[in-house]
PDB file of all heavy atoms in Angstrom:
ATOM      1  N   VAL A   1     118.913 121.151  84.531  1.00  0.00           N
ATOM      2  CA  VAL A   1     120.331 121.173  84.187  1.00  0.00           C
ATOM      3  C   VAL A   1     120.999 122.443  84.711  1.00  0.00           C
ATOM      4  O   VAL A   1     122.217 122.481  84.922  1.00  0.00           O
ATOM      5  CB  VAL A   1     120.504 121.048  82.652  1.00  0.00           C
ATOM      6  CG1 VAL A   1     120.172 122.362  81.948  1.00  0.00           C
ATOM      7  CG2 VAL A   1     121.916 120.580  82.294  1.00  0.00           C
ATOM      8  N   LYS A   2     120.206 123.468  84.978  1.00  0.00           N
ATOM      9  CA  LYS A   2     120.752 124.716  85.532  1.00  0.00           C
ATOM     10  C   LYS A   2     121.182 124.547  86.982  1.00  0.00           C
ATOM     11  O   LYS A   2     121.888 125.395  87.522  1.00  0.00           O
ATOM     12  CB  LYS A   2     119.696 125.819  85.432  1.00  0.00           C
ATOM     13  CG  LYS A   2     119.234 126.110  84.012  1.00  0.00           C
ATOM     14  CD  LYS A   2     118.090 127.103  83.997  1.00  0.00           C
ATOM     15  CE  LYS A   2     117.547 127.298  82.592  1.00  0.00           C
ATOM     16  NZ  LYS A   2     116.379 128.233  82.568  1.00  0.00           N
ATOM     17  N   LEU A   3     120.758 123.468  87.628  1.00  0.00           N
ATOM     18  CA  LEU A   3     121.082 123.240  89.034  1.00  0.00           C
ATOM     19  C   LEU A   3     122.448 122.592  89.219  1.00  0.00           C
ATOM     20  O   LEU A   3     122.876 122.384  90.346  1.00  0.00           O
ATOM     21  CB  LEU A   3     120.014 122.343  89.677  1.00  0.00           C
ATOM     22  CG  LEU A   3     118.569 122.850  89.615  1.00  0.00           C
ATOM     23  CD1 LEU A   3     117.627 121.813  90.200  1.00  0.00           C
ATOM     24  CD2 LEU A   3     118.424 124.177  90.332  1.00  0.00           C
ATOM     25  N   GLY A   4     123.108 122.253  88.123  1.00  0.00           N
ATOM     26  CA  GLY A   4     124.390 121.580  88.213  1.00  0.00           C
ATOM     27  C   GLY A   4     124.239 120.084  88.001  1.00  0.00           C
ATOM     28  O   GLY A   4     123.128 119.551  88.024  1.00  0.00           O
ATOM     29  N   LEU A   5     125.367 119.399  87.835  1.00  0.00           N
ATOM     30  CA  LEU A   5     125.327 117.977  87.500  1.00  0.00           C
ATOM     31  C   LEU A   5     124.678 117.147  88.599  1.00  0.00           C
ATOM     32  O   LEU A   5     123.763 116.363  88.338  1.00  0.00           O
ATOM     33  CB  LEU A   5     126.742 117.467  87.226  1.00  0.00           C
ATOM     34  CG  LEU A   5     126.859 115.973  86.882  1.00  0.00           C
ATOM     35  CD1 LEU A   5     126.073 115.649  85.628  1.00  0.00           C
ATOM     36  CD2 LEU A   5     128.323 115.576  86.716  1.00  0.00           C
ATOM     37  N   LEU A   6     125.131 117.305  89.840  1.00  0.00           N
ATOM     38  CA  LEU A   6     124.626 116.480  90.922  1.00  0.00           C
ATOM     39  C   LEU A   6     123.162 116.769  91.225  1.00  0.00           C
ATOM     40  O   LEU A   6     122.308 115.876  91.176  1.00  0.00           O
ATOM     41  CB  LEU A   6     125.468 116.687  92.189  1.00  0.00           C
ATOM     42  CG  LEU A   6     125.007 115.918  93.438  1.00  0.00           C
ATOM     43  CD1 LEU A   6     124.997 114.419  93.164  1.00  0.00           C
ATOM     44  CD2 LEU A   6     125.904 116.244  94.627  1.00  0.00           C
ATOM     45  N   ASN A   7     122.858 118.027  91.523  1.00  0.00           N
ATOM     46  CA  ASN A   7     121.478 118.387  91.877  1.00  0.00           C
ATOM     47  C   ASN A   7     120.535 118.219  90.689  1.00  0.00           C
ATOM     48  O   ASN A   7     119.403 117.759  90.840  1.00  0.00           O
ATOM     49  CB  ASN A   7     121.416 119.826  92.380  1.00  0.00           C
ATOM     50  CG  ASN A   7     122.143 120.012  93.693  1.00  0.00           C
ATOM     51  OD1 ASN A   7     122.226 119.087  94.488  1.00  0.00           O
ATOM     52  ND2 ASN A   7     122.685 121.193  93.928  1.00  0.00           N
ATOM     53  N   GLY A   8     120.991 118.584  89.502  1.00  0.00           N
ATOM     54  CA  GLY A   8     120.153 118.471  88.312  1.00  0.00           C
ATOM     55  C   GLY A   8     119.789 117.041  87.995  1.00  0.00           C
ATOM     56  O   GLY A   8     118.645 116.728  87.659  1.00  0.00           O
ATOM     57  N   THR A   9     120.778 116.146  88.111  1.00  0.00           N
ATOM     58  CA  THR A   9     120.519 114.726  87.855  1.00  0.00           C
ATOM     59  C   THR A   9     119.515 114.162  88.855  1.00  0.00           C
ATOM     60  O   THR A   9     118.571 113.468  88.486  1.00  0.00           O
ATOM     61  CB  THR A   9     121.827 113.917  87.933  1.00  0.00           C
ATOM     62  OG1 THR A   9     122.766 114.457  87.019  1.00  0.00           O
ATOM     63  CG2 THR A   9     121.576 112.471  87.570  1.00  0.00           C
ATOM     64  N   LEU A  10     119.724 114.479  90.137  1.00  0.00           N
ATOM     65  CA  LEU A  10     118.819 113.981  91.164  1.00  0.00           C
ATOM     66  C   LEU A  10     117.396 114.476  90.952  1.00  0.00           C
ATOM     67  O   LEU A  10     116.435 113.697  91.018  1.00  0.00           O
ATOM     68  CB  LEU A  10     119.319 114.416  92.553  1.00  0.00           C
ATOM     69  CG  LEU A  10     120.553 113.690  93.088  1.00  0.00           C
ATOM     70  CD1 LEU A  10     121.064 114.376  94.343  1.00  0.00           C
ATOM     71  CD2 LEU A  10     120.233 112.231  93.374  1.00  0.00           C
ATOM     72  N   VAL A  11     117.251 115.768  90.665  1.00  0.00           N
ATOM     73  CA  VAL A  11     115.914 116.347  90.497  1.00  0.00           C
ATOM     74  C   VAL A  11     115.218 115.785  89.263  1.00  0.00           C
ATOM     75  O   VAL A  11     114.042 115.396  89.313  1.00  0.00           O
ATOM     76  CB  VAL A  11     116.006 117.887  90.396  1.00  0.00           C
ATOM     77  CG1 VAL A  11     114.666 118.484  89.953  1.00  0.00           C
ATOM     78  CG2 VAL A  11     116.410 118.479  91.742  1.00  0.00           C
ATOM     79  N   SER A  12     115.934 115.706  88.144  1.00  0.00           N
ATOM     80  CA  SER A  12     115.304 115.244  86.905  1.00  0.00           C
ATOM     81  C   SER A  12     114.934 113.764  86.972  1.00  0.00           C
ATOM     82  O   SER A  12     113.838 113.365  86.576  1.00  0.00           O
ATOM     83  CB  SER A  12     116.222 115.506  85.706  1.00  0.00           C
ATOM     84  OG  SER A  12     117.464 114.845  85.869  1.00  0.00           O
ATOM     85  N   VAL A  13     115.845 112.938  87.502  1.00  0.00           N
ATOM     86  CA  VAL A  13     115.568 111.502  87.591  1.00  0.00           C
ATOM     87  C   VAL A  13     114.418 111.240  88.555  1.00  0.00           C
ATOM     88  O   VAL A  13     113.513 110.442  88.269  1.00  0.00           O
ATOM     89  CB  VAL A  13     116.827 110.721  88.022  1.00  0.00           C
ATOM     90  CG1 VAL A  13     116.483 109.263  88.305  1.00  0.00           C
ATOM     91  CG2 VAL A  13     117.892 110.811  86.937  1.00  0.00           C
ATOM     92  N   LEU A  14     114.435 111.918  89.697  1.00  0.00           N
ATOM     93  CA  LEU A  14     113.355 111.737  90.668  1.00  0.00           C
ATOM     94  C   LEU A  14     112.014 112.196  90.102  1.00  0.00           C
ATOM     95  O   LEU A  14     110.987 111.544  90.298  1.00  0.00           O
ATOM     96  CB  LEU A  14     113.667 112.508  91.953  1.00  0.00           C
ATOM     97  CG  LEU A  14     112.658 112.368  93.094  1.00  0.00           C
ATOM     98  CD1 LEU A  14     112.551 110.910  93.525  1.00  0.00           C
ATOM     99  CD2 LEU A  14     113.061 113.240  94.269  1.00  0.00           C
ATOM    100  N   SER A  15     112.026 113.307  89.360  1.00  0.00           N
ATOM    101  CA  SER A  15     110.782 113.843  88.789  1.00  0.00           C
ATOM    102  C   SER A  15     110.196 112.921  87.733  1.00  0.00           C
ATOM    103  O   SER A  15     108.978 112.783  87.621  1.00  0.00           O
ATOM    104  CB  SER A  15     111.043 115.227  88.174  1.00  0.00           C
ATOM    105  OG  SER A  15     111.517 116.133  89.145  1.00  0.00           O
ATOM    106  N   VAL A  16     111.064 112.296  86.952  1.00  0.00           N
ATOM    107  CA  VAL A  16     110.595 111.466  85.843  1.00  0.00           C
ATOM    108  C   VAL A  16     110.314 110.028  86.284  1.00  0.00           C
ATOM    109  O   VAL A  16     109.306 109.424  85.905  1.00  0.00           O
ATOM    110  CB  VAL A  16     111.619 111.487  84.691  1.00  0.00           C
ATOM    111  CG1 VAL A  16     111.171 110.577  83.557  1.00  0.00           C
ATOM    112  CG2 VAL A  16     111.808 112.911  84.174  1.00  0.00           C
ATOM    113  N   LEU A  17     111.200 109.482  87.110  1.00  0.00           N
ATOM    114  CA  LEU A  17     111.074 108.080  87.520  1.00  0.00           C
ATOM    115  C   LEU A  17     110.205 107.877  88.752  1.00  0.00           C
ATOM    116  O   LEU A  17     109.550 106.845  88.899  1.00  0.00           O
ATOM    117  CB  LEU A  17     112.459 107.500  87.833  1.00  0.00           C
ATOM    118  CG  LEU A  17     113.311 106.922  86.711  1.00  0.00           C
ATOM    119  CD1 LEU A  17     114.610 106.401  87.296  1.00  0.00           C
ATOM    120  CD2 LEU A  17     112.599 105.809  85.986  1.00  0.00           C
ATOM    121  N   GLY A  18     110.234 108.851  89.652  1.00  0.00           N
ATOM    122  CA  GLY A  18     109.685 108.652  90.987  1.00  0.00           C
ATOM    123  C   GLY A  18     108.255 108.152  91.046  1.00  0.00           C
ATOM    124  O   GLY A  18     107.973 107.091  91.620  1.00  0.00           O
ATOM    125  N   LEU A  19     107.322 108.902  90.448  1.00  0.00           N
ATOM    126  CA  LEU A  19     105.906 108.556  90.576  1.00  0.00           C
ATOM    127  C   LEU A  19     105.539 107.235  89.912  1.00  0.00           C
ATOM    128  O   LEU A  19     104.896 106.385  90.551  1.00  0.00           O
ATOM    129  CB  LEU A  19     105.039 109.697  90.043  1.00  0.00           C
ATOM    130  CG  LEU A  19     103.520 109.481  90.143  1.00  0.00           C
ATOM    131  CD1 LEU A  19     103.104 109.200  91.571  1.00  0.00           C
ATOM    132  CD2 LEU A  19     102.775 110.693  89.575  1.00  0.00           C
ATOM    133  N   PRO A  20     105.900 107.002  88.636  1.00  0.00           N
ATOM    134  CA  PRO A  20     105.496 105.723  88.030  1.00  0.00           C
ATOM    135  C   PRO A  20     106.077 104.507  88.744  1.00  0.00           C
ATOM    136  O   PRO A  20     105.390 103.495  88.909  1.00  0.00           O
ATOM    137  CB  PRO A  20     106.015 105.823  86.582  1.00  0.00           C
ATOM    138  CG  PRO A  20     107.013 106.911  86.585  1.00  0.00           C
ATOM    139  CD  PRO A  20     106.589 107.866  87.646  1.00  0.00           C
ATOM    140  N   LEU A  21     107.324 104.586  89.212  1.00  0.00           N
ATOM    141  CA  LEU A  21     107.913 103.436  89.903  1.00  0.00           C
ATOM    142  C   LEU A  21     107.335 103.262  91.298  1.00  0.00           C
ATOM    143  O   LEU A  21     107.215 102.131  91.779  1.00  0.00           O
ATOM    144  CB  LEU A  21     109.440 103.580  89.976  1.00  0.00           C
ATOM    145  CG  LEU A  21     110.182 103.455  88.640  1.00  0.00           C
ATOM    146  CD1 LEU A  21     111.685 103.422  88.877  1.00  0.00           C
ATOM    147  CD2 LEU A  21     109.748 102.215  87.864  1.00  0.00           C
ATOM    148  N   LEU A  22     106.973 104.349  91.953  1.00  0.00           N
ATOM    149  CA  LEU A  22     106.297 104.227  93.242  1.00  0.00           C
ATOM    150  C   LEU A  22     104.966 103.500  93.081  1.00  0.00           C
ATOM    151  O   LEU A  22     104.621 102.612  93.860  1.00  0.00           O
ATOM    152  CB  LEU A  22     106.090 105.614  93.858  1.00  0.00           C
ATOM    153  CG  LEU A  22     105.446 105.653  95.248  1.00  0.00           C
ATOM    154  CD1 LEU A  22     106.030 106.779  96.079  1.00  0.00           C
ATOM    155  CD2 LEU A  22     103.923 105.825  95.158  1.00  0.00           C
ATOM    156  N   LEU A  23     104.206 103.881  92.058  1.00  0.00           N
ATOM    157  CA  LEU A  23     102.915 103.233  91.815  1.00  0.00           C
ATOM    158  C   LEU A  23     103.093 101.758  91.477  1.00  0.00           C
ATOM    159  O   LEU A  23     102.352 100.896  91.975  1.00  0.00           O
ATOM    160  CB  LEU A  23     102.185 103.951  90.673  1.00  0.00           C
ATOM    161  CG  LEU A  23     101.725 105.386  90.942  1.00  0.00           C
ATOM    162  CD1 LEU A  23     101.183 106.015  89.675  1.00  0.00           C
ATOM    163  CD2 LEU A  23     100.684 105.422  92.049  1.00  0.00           C
ATOM    164  N   LEU A  24     104.076 101.453  90.643  1.00  0.00           N
ATOM    165  CA  LEU A  24     104.292 100.059  90.256  1.00  0.00           C
ATOM    166  C   LEU A  24     104.824  99.234  91.428  1.00  0.00           C
ATOM    167  O   LEU A  24     104.500  98.053  91.558  1.00  0.00           O
ATOM    168  CB  LEU A  24     105.258  99.998  89.069  1.00  0.00           C
ATOM    169  CG  LEU A  24     104.712 100.572  87.752  1.00  0.00           C
ATOM    170  CD1 LEU A  24     105.820 100.690  86.718  1.00  0.00           C
ATOM    171  CD2 LEU A  24     103.566  99.724  87.218  1.00  0.00           C
ATOM    172  N   GLY A  25     105.653  99.863  92.275  1.00  0.00           N
ATOM    173  CA  GLY A  25     106.136  99.154  93.446  1.00  0.00           C
ATOM    174  C   GLY A  25     105.024  98.800  94.421  1.00  0.00           C
ATOM    175  O   GLY A  25     105.090  97.779  95.123  1.00  0.00           O
ATOM    176  N   ALA A  26     103.973  99.629  94.460  1.00  0.00           N
ATOM    177  CA  ALA A  26     102.857  99.382  95.379  1.00  0.00           C
ATOM    178  C   ALA A  26     101.958  98.244  94.923  1.00  0.00           C
ATOM    179  O   ALA A  26     101.098  97.779  95.680  1.00  0.00           O
ATOM    180  CB  ALA A  26     102.022 100.664  95.517  1.00  0.00           C
ATOM    181  N   VAL A  27     102.155  97.765  93.705  1.00  0.00           N
ATOM    182  CA  VAL A  27     101.280  96.735  93.144  1.00  0.00           C
ATOM    183  C   VAL A  27     101.562  95.350  93.735  1.00  0.00           C
ATOM    184  O   VAL A  27     100.640  94.612  94.113  1.00  0.00           O
ATOM    185  CB  VAL A  27     101.425  96.710  91.605  1.00  0.00           C
ATOM    186  CG1 VAL A  27     100.805  95.451  91.020  1.00  0.00           C
ATOM    187  CG2 VAL A  27     100.789  97.960  90.995  1.00  0.00           C
ATOM    188  N   SER A  28     102.826  94.975  93.824  1.00  0.00           N
ATOM    189  CA  SER A  28     103.178  93.609  94.232  1.00  0.00           C
ATOM    190  C   SER A  28     102.641  93.208  95.604  1.00  0.00           C
ATOM    191  O   SER A  28     102.067  92.113  95.738  1.00  0.00           O
ATOM    192  CB  SER A  28     104.699  93.427  94.185  1.00  0.00           C
ATOM    193  OG  SER A  28     105.172  93.538  92.860  1.00  0.00           O
ATOM    194  N   PRO A  29     102.796  94.029  96.671  1.00  0.00           N
ATOM    195  CA  PRO A  29     102.253  93.612  97.969  1.00  0.00           C
ATOM    196  C   PRO A  29     100.742  93.366  97.940  1.00  0.00           C
ATOM    197  O   PRO A  29     100.249  92.451  98.606  1.00  0.00           O
ATOM    198  CB  PRO A  29     102.594  94.793  98.886  1.00  0.00           C
ATOM    199  CG  PRO A  29     103.744  95.467  98.239  1.00  0.00           C
ATOM    200  CD  PRO A  29     103.523  95.310  96.775  1.00  0.00           C
ATOM    201  N   GLN A  30     100.039  94.169  97.153  1.00  0.00           N
ATOM    202  CA  GLN A  30      98.586  94.004  97.076  1.00  0.00           C
ATOM    203  C   GLN A  30      98.212  92.740  96.305  1.00  0.00           C
ATOM    204  O   GLN A  30      97.266  92.034  96.661  1.00  0.00           O
ATOM    205  CB  GLN A  30      97.965  95.241  96.426  1.00  0.00           C
ATOM    206  CG  GLN A  30      98.210  96.515  97.226  1.00  0.00           C
ATOM    207  CD  GLN A  30      97.608  97.729  96.578  1.00  0.00           C
ATOM    208  OE1 GLN A  30      96.401  97.947  96.630  1.00  0.00           O
ATOM    209  NE2 GLN A  30      98.455  98.533  95.954  1.00  0.00           N
ATOM    210  N   PHE A  31      98.971  92.429  95.257  1.00  0.00           N
ATOM    211  CA  PHE A  31      98.729  91.187  94.517  1.00  0.00           C
ATOM    212  C   PHE A  31      99.000  89.971  95.405  1.00  0.00           C
ATOM    213  O   PHE A  31      98.253  88.976  95.374  1.00  0.00           O
ATOM    214  CB  PHE A  31      99.614  91.124  93.277  1.00  0.00           C
ATOM    215  CG  PHE A  31      99.066  91.872  92.093  1.00  0.00           C
ATOM    216  CD1 PHE A  31      99.879  92.222  91.022  1.00  0.00           C
ATOM    217  CD2 PHE A  31      97.721  92.230  92.033  1.00  0.00           C
ATOM    218  CE1 PHE A  31      99.373  92.898  89.927  1.00  0.00           C
ATOM    219  CE2 PHE A  31      97.208  92.921  90.937  1.00  0.00           C
ATOM    220  CZ  PHE A  31      98.036  93.253  89.889  1.00  0.00           C
ATOM    221  N   ILE A  32     100.075  90.043  96.180  1.00  0.00           N
ATOM    222  CA  ILE A  32     100.408  88.930  97.073  1.00  0.00           C
ATOM    223  C   ILE A  32      99.278  88.702  98.081  1.00  0.00           C
ATOM    224  O   ILE A  32      98.899  87.554  98.362  1.00  0.00           O
ATOM    225  CB  ILE A  32     101.740  89.208  97.791  1.00  0.00           C
ATOM    226  CG1 ILE A  32     102.891  89.164  96.780  1.00  0.00           C
ATOM    227  CG2 ILE A  32     101.983  88.196  98.901  1.00  0.00           C
ATOM    228  CD1 ILE A  32     104.211  89.658  97.326  1.00  0.00           C
ATOM    229  N   GLN A  33      98.723  89.796  98.611  1.00  0.00           N
ATOM    230  CA  GLN A  33      97.624  89.679  99.561  1.00  0.00           C
ATOM    231  C   GLN A  33      96.397  89.038  98.905  1.00  0.00           C
ATOM    232  O   GLN A  33      95.754  88.156  99.488  1.00  0.00           O
ATOM    233  CB  GLN A  33      97.256  91.059 100.105  1.00  0.00           C
ATOM    234  CG  GLN A  33      96.067  91.077 101.056  1.00  0.00           C
ATOM    235  CD  GLN A  33      96.327  90.286 102.329  1.00  0.00           C
ATOM    236  OE1 GLN A  33      97.468  90.166 102.762  1.00  0.00           O
ATOM    237  NE2 GLN A  33      95.267  89.737 102.916  1.00  0.00           N
ATOM    238  N   GLN A  34      96.091  89.451  97.672  1.00  0.00           N
ATOM    239  CA  GLN A  34      94.921  88.906  96.981  1.00  0.00           C
ATOM    240  C   GLN A  34      95.064  87.414  96.735  1.00  0.00           C
ATOM    241  O   GLN A  34      94.106  86.642  96.900  1.00  0.00           O
ATOM    242  CB  GLN A  34      94.706  89.650  95.655  1.00  0.00           C
ATOM    243  CG  GLN A  34      94.270  91.098  95.821  1.00  0.00           C
ATOM    244  CD  GLN A  34      94.061  91.785  94.482  1.00  0.00           C
ATOM    245  OE1 GLN A  34      93.585  91.180  93.533  1.00  0.00           O
ATOM    246  NE2 GLN A  34      94.419  93.048  94.402  1.00  0.00           N
ATOM    247  N   ILE A  35      96.244  86.980  96.339  1.00  0.00           N
ATOM    248  CA  ILE A  35      96.459  85.560  96.078  1.00  0.00           C
ATOM    249  C   ILE A  35      96.441  84.766  97.384  1.00  0.00           C
ATOM    250  O   ILE A  35      95.910  83.645  97.449  1.00  0.00           O
ATOM    251  CB  ILE A  35      97.780  85.347  95.321  1.00  0.00           C
ATOM    252  CG1 ILE A  35      97.670  85.955  93.920  1.00  0.00           C
ATOM    253  CG2 ILE A  35      98.113  83.868  95.206  1.00  0.00           C
ATOM    254  CD1 ILE A  35      98.919  85.872  93.102  1.00  0.00           C
ATOM    255  N   SER A  36      96.993  85.347  98.452  1.00  0.00           N
ATOM    256  CA  SER A  36      96.989  84.673  99.755  1.00  0.00           C
ATOM    257  C   SER A  36      95.568  84.451 100.252  1.00  0.00           C
ATOM    258  O   SER A  36      95.271  83.431 100.906  1.00  0.00           O
ATOM    259  CB  SER A  36      97.776  85.500 100.777  1.00  0.00           C
ATOM    260  OG  SER A  36      99.126  85.623 100.393  1.00  0.00           O
ATOM    261  N   GLU A  37      94.673  85.385  99.938  1.00  0.00           N
ATOM    262  CA  GLU A  37      93.282  85.259 100.360  1.00  0.00           C
ATOM    263  C   GLU A  37      92.566  84.123  99.644  1.00  0.00           C
ATOM    264  O   GLU A  37      91.496  83.682 100.078  1.00  0.00           O
ATOM    265  CB  GLU A  37      92.543  86.575 100.113  1.00  0.00           C
ATOM    266  CG  GLU A  37      92.993  87.697 101.054  1.00  0.00           C
ATOM    267  CD  GLU A  37      92.383  89.036 100.689  1.00  0.00           C
ATOM    268  OE1 GLU A  37      91.714  89.105  99.626  1.00  0.00           O
ATOM    269  OE2 GLU A  37      92.574  90.009 101.438  1.00  0.00           O
ATOM    270  N   SER A  38      93.146  83.651  98.537  1.00  0.00           N
ATOM    271  CA  SER A  38      92.536  82.538  97.807  1.00  0.00           C
ATOM    272  C   SER A  38      93.102  81.194  98.267  1.00  0.00           C
ATOM    273  O   SER A  38      93.103  80.221  97.513  1.00  0.00           O
ATOM    274  CB  SER A  38      92.746  82.708  96.306  1.00  0.00           C
ATOM    275  OG  SER A  38      94.130  82.593  95.991  1.00  0.00           O
ATOM    276  N   GLN A  39      93.634  81.173  99.484  1.00  0.00           N
ATOM    277  CA  GLN A  39      94.138  79.965 100.149  1.00  0.00           C
ATOM    278  C   GLN A  39      95.518  79.531  99.654  1.00  0.00           C
ATOM    279  O   GLN A  39      95.992  78.472 100.030  1.00  0.00           O
ATOM    280  CB  GLN A  39      93.144  78.792  99.989  1.00  0.00           C
ATOM    281  CG  GLN A  39      91.727  79.105 100.411  1.00  0.00           C
ATOM    282  CD  GLN A  39      91.649  79.602 101.839  1.00  0.00           C
ATOM    283  OE1 GLN A  39      92.295  79.042 102.716  1.00  0.00           O
ATOM    284  NE2 GLN A  39      90.871  80.654 102.084  1.00  0.00           N
ATOM    285  N   GLU A  40      96.161  80.316  98.816  1.00  0.00           N
ATOM    286  CA  GLU A  40      97.525  79.975  98.407  1.00  0.00           C
ATOM    287  C   GLU A  40      98.483  80.504  99.460  1.00  0.00           C
ATOM    288  O   GLU A  40      98.322  81.605  99.972  1.00  0.00           O
ATOM    289  CB  GLU A  40      97.848  80.580  97.036  1.00  0.00           C
ATOM    290  CG  GLU A  40      99.168  80.088  96.464  1.00  0.00           C
ATOM    291  CD  GLU A  40      99.355  80.504  95.010  1.00  0.00           C
ATOM    292  OE1 GLU A  40      98.349  80.558  94.283  1.00  0.00           O
ATOM    293  OE2 GLU A  40     100.496  80.747  94.621  1.00  0.00           O
ATOM    294  N   ARG A  41      99.503  79.765  99.809  1.00  0.00           N
ATOM    295  CA  ARG A  41     100.416  80.164 100.856  1.00  0.00           C
ATOM    296  C   ARG A  41     101.136  81.462 100.503  1.00  0.00           C
ATOM    297  O   ARG A  41     101.480  81.698  99.341  1.00  0.00           O
ATOM    298  CB  ARG A  41     101.438  79.067 101.099  1.00  0.00           C
ATOM    299  CG  ARG A  41     100.835  77.803 101.724  1.00  0.00           C
ATOM    300  CD  ARG A  41     101.907  76.770 101.990  1.00  0.00           C
ATOM    301  NE  ARG A  41     101.345  75.584 102.622  1.00  0.00           N
ATOM    302  CZ  ARG A  41     102.066  74.513 102.958  1.00  0.00           C
ATOM    303  NH1 ARG A  41     103.368  74.501 102.713  1.00  0.00           N
ATOM    304  NH2 ARG A  41     101.483  73.473 103.530  1.00  0.00           N
ATOM    305  N   ALA A  42     101.365  82.285 101.536  1.00  0.00           N
ATOM    306  CA  ALA A  42     101.968  83.596 101.310  1.00  0.00           C
ATOM    307  C   ALA A  42     103.352  83.491 100.664  1.00  0.00           C
ATOM    308  O   ALA A  42     103.703  84.260  99.770  1.00  0.00           O
ATOM    309  CB  ALA A  42     102.057  84.358 102.626  1.00  0.00           C
ATOM    310  N   GLY A  43     104.150  82.519 101.129  1.00  0.00           N
ATOM    311  CA  GLY A  43     105.484  82.350 100.553  1.00  0.00           C
ATOM    312  C   GLY A  43     105.426  81.970  99.088  1.00  0.00           C
ATOM    313  O   GLY A  43     106.174  82.495  98.259  1.00  0.00           O
ATOM    314  N   THR A  44     104.527  81.065  98.753  1.00  0.00           N
ATOM    315  CA  THR A  44     104.353  80.651  97.350  1.00  0.00           C
ATOM    316  C   THR A  44     103.855  81.818  96.507  1.00  0.00           C
ATOM    317  O   THR A  44     104.342  82.052  95.398  1.00  0.00           O
ATOM    318  CB  THR A  44     103.354  79.487  97.260  1.00  0.00           C
ATOM    319  OG1 THR A  44     103.830  78.399  98.049  1.00  0.00           O
ATOM    320  CG2 THR A  44     103.189  79.034  95.819  1.00  0.00           C
ATOM    321  N   ALA A  45     102.881  82.553  97.050  1.00  0.00           N
ATOM    322  CA  ALA A  45     102.306  83.687  96.321  1.00  0.00           C
ATOM    323  C   ALA A  45     103.350  84.753  96.037  1.00  0.00           C
ATOM    324  O   ALA A  45     103.473  85.250  94.908  1.00  0.00           O
ATOM    325  CB  ALA A  45     101.140  84.284  97.115  1.00  0.00           C
TER     326      ALA A  45
END
């Protein structure tokens, strides 16, 4: 908050949200690949 409204908001939100959402975002492509390998069509998966 000492960095000001704009910079402070960006830094705090990125610090708190960034890592967990990055990890969760990386899950879906890998799940799609796993299901596709079981003969289910990629679009359906």
